[in-house]
Amino acid sequence: MASLMEDLIDVLNKEEEQYQGLIELGKKKREVVIRADIKTLDEITATEQEAASNLQNLAKKRARVLNDMATVLGRNPGEVTITKMISYLEEQPVEQKQLMEVKERQIGRASCRERV
């Protein structure tokens, strides 16, 4: 289970990195559109597409890891979420804390996106 938890936290951190990269690209893209710099816009768009592909792969991996964790815990895989995993980890406070921190960063990031 510890290995699965490490995998989950790793995937969530990588997703966070990709989203942060997309936020930065969005800022650059805005400036590029204002300047009508088509060449740079094409480059940014290609980078965004690559990030989107990476995010799709990470989402699939996250789903597989959560599914595996649900199996280990004897839970229904369709019902296991990050929030529920946090509650299942009461006996493992270090892992629980790591997962809570990742989730809190994701929530904070989502709030920032809504304000943009």
Protein backbone atom coordinates (compact mmCIF):
# COMPACT_ATOMS: atom_id res chain seq x y z
CA MET A 1 0.00 0.00 0.00
CA ALA A 2 2.91 2.37 0.74
CA SER A 3 4.12 2.00 -2.82
CA LEU A 4 0.66 2.79 -4.15
CA MET A 5 0.48 5.87 -1.92
CA GLU A 6 3.82 7.06 -3.26
CA ASP A 7 2.56 6.50 -6.80
CA LEU A 8 -0.62 8.47 -6.08
CA ILE A 9 1.22 11.40 -4.53
CA ASP A 10 3.72 11.36 -7.40
CA VAL A 11 0.93 11.46 -10.00
CA LEU A 12 -0.88 14.26 -8.18
CA ASN A 13 2.32 16.29 -7.95
CA LYS A 14 3.00 15.79 -11.66
CA GLU A 15 -0.56 16.85 -12.48
CA GLU A 16 -0.05 19.95 -10.39
CA GLU A 17 3.17 20.77 -12.28
CA GLN A 18 1.38 20.40 -15.61
CA TYR A 19 -1.47 22.66 -14.53
CA GLN A 20 0.96 25.27 -13.24
CA GLY A 21 2.73 25.13 -16.59
CA LEU A 22 -0.58 25.64 -18.38
CA ILE A 23 -1.34 28.67 -16.22
CA GLU A 24 2.00 30.21 -17.18
CA LEU A 25 1.43 29.38 -20.82
CA GLY A 26 -1.97 31.04 -20.63
CA LYS A 27 -0.35 34.25 -19.39
CA LYS A 28 2.21 34.15 -22.19
CA LYS A 29 -0.46 33.31 -24.74
CA ARG A 30 -2.46 36.36 -23.76
CA GLU A 31 0.54 38.63 -24.39
CA VAL A 32 1.34 36.87 -27.66
CA VAL A 33 -2.24 37.26 -28.91
CA ILE A 34 -2.16 40.97 -28.08
CA ARG A 35 1.08 41.31 -30.06
CA ALA A 36 -0.34 39.14 -32.88
CA ASP A 37 2.81 36.99 -32.79
CA ILE A 38 1.53 34.00 -34.77
CA LYS A 39 4.76 32.00 -34.68
CA THR A 40 5.00 32.13 -30.89
CA LEU A 41 1.27 31.44 -30.63
CA ASP A 42 1.76 28.26 -32.66
CA GLU A 43 4.60 27.20 -30.36
CA ILE A 44 2.53 27.84 -27.24
CA THR A 45 -0.41 25.95 -28.71
CA ALA A 46 1.82 22.95 -29.44
CA THR A 47 3.14 23.05 -25.88
CA GLU A 48 -0.41 23.26 -24.53
CA GLN A 49 -1.41 20.22 -26.58
CA GLU A 50 1.55 18.28 -25.20
CA ALA A 51 0.59 19.27 -21.65
CA ALA A 52 -3.02 18.21 -22.29
CA SER A 53 -1.81 14.84 -23.52
CA ASN A 54 0.41 14.47 -20.45
CA LEU A 55 -2.54 15.34 -18.22
CA GLN A 56 -4.71 12.71 -19.88
CA ASN A 57 -2.03 10.09 -19.28
CA LEU A 58 -1.61 11.19 -15.67
CA ALA A 59 -5.38 11.09 -15.09
CA LYS A 60 -5.46 7.50 -16.38
CA LYS A 61 -2.56 6.57 -14.12
CA ARG A 62 -4.25 8.26 -11.14
CA ALA A 63 -7.43 6.26 -11.84
CA ARG A 64 -5.42 3.01 -12.04
CA VAL A 65 -3.63 3.75 -8.77
CA LEU A 66 -6.88 4.63 -7.00
CA ASN A 67 -8.43 1.44 -8.39
CA ASP A 68 -5.50 -0.61 -7.08
CA MET A 69 -5.75 1.11 -3.70
CA ALA A 70 -9.47 0.40 -3.54
CA THR A 71 -8.79 -3.26 -4.26
CA VAL A 72 -6.17 -3.45 -1.50
CA LEU A 73 -8.59 -1.79 0.93
CA GLY A 74 -11.53 -3.93 -0.14
CA ARG A 75 -13.49 -0.89 -1.31
CA ASN A 76 -15.55 -0.28 -4.43
CA PRO A 77 -13.12 1.27 -6.95
CA GLY A 78 -15.81 3.51 -8.41
CA GLU A 79 -16.37 5.19 -5.07
CA VAL A 80 -12.76 5.85 -4.03
CA THR A 81 -11.75 9.50 -4.22
CA ILE A 82 -8.80 11.46 -2.89
CA THR A 83 -10.98 12.76 -0.05
CA LYS A 84 -12.04 9.25 0.90
CA MET A 85 -8.45 8.03 0.70
CA ILE A 86 -7.50 10.73 3.20
CA SER A 87 -10.12 9.43 5.63
CA TYR A 88 -8.96 5.82 5.12
CA LEU A 89 -5.41 6.78 6.15
CA GLU A 90 -6.10 7.57 9.81
CA GLU A 91 -3.62 4.85 10.80
CA GLN A 92 -0.94 6.35 8.54
CA PRO A 93 -0.64 10.02 9.55
CA VAL A 94 2.43 10.78 7.41
CA GLU A 95 0.80 9.60 4.20
CA GLN A 96 -2.49 11.18 5.22
CA LYS A 97 -0.78 14.53 5.72
CA GLN A 98 1.02 14.31 2.36
CA LEU A 99 -2.22 13.56 0.56
CA MET A 100 -4.03 16.37 2.38
CA GLU A 101 -1.31 18.85 1.39
CA VAL A 102 -1.54 17.86 -2.27
CA LYS A 103 -5.32 18.16 -2.18
CA GLU A 104 -5.17 21.58 -0.50
CA ARG A 105 -2.77 22.84 -3.18
CA GLN A 106 -5.14 21.59 -5.87
CA ILE A 107 -8.07 23.36 -4.24
CA GLY A 108 -6.02 26.56 -3.98
CA ARG A 109 -5.02 26.26 -7.62
CA ALA A 110 -8.64 25.79 -8.66
CA SER A 111 -9.62 28.93 -6.75
CA CYS A 112 -6.90 30.88 -8.55
CA ARG A 113 -8.11 29.65 -11.95
CA GLU A 114 -11.65 30.82 -11.16
CA ARG A 115 -10.38 34.33 -10.45
CA VAL A 116 -8.42 34.59 -13.73
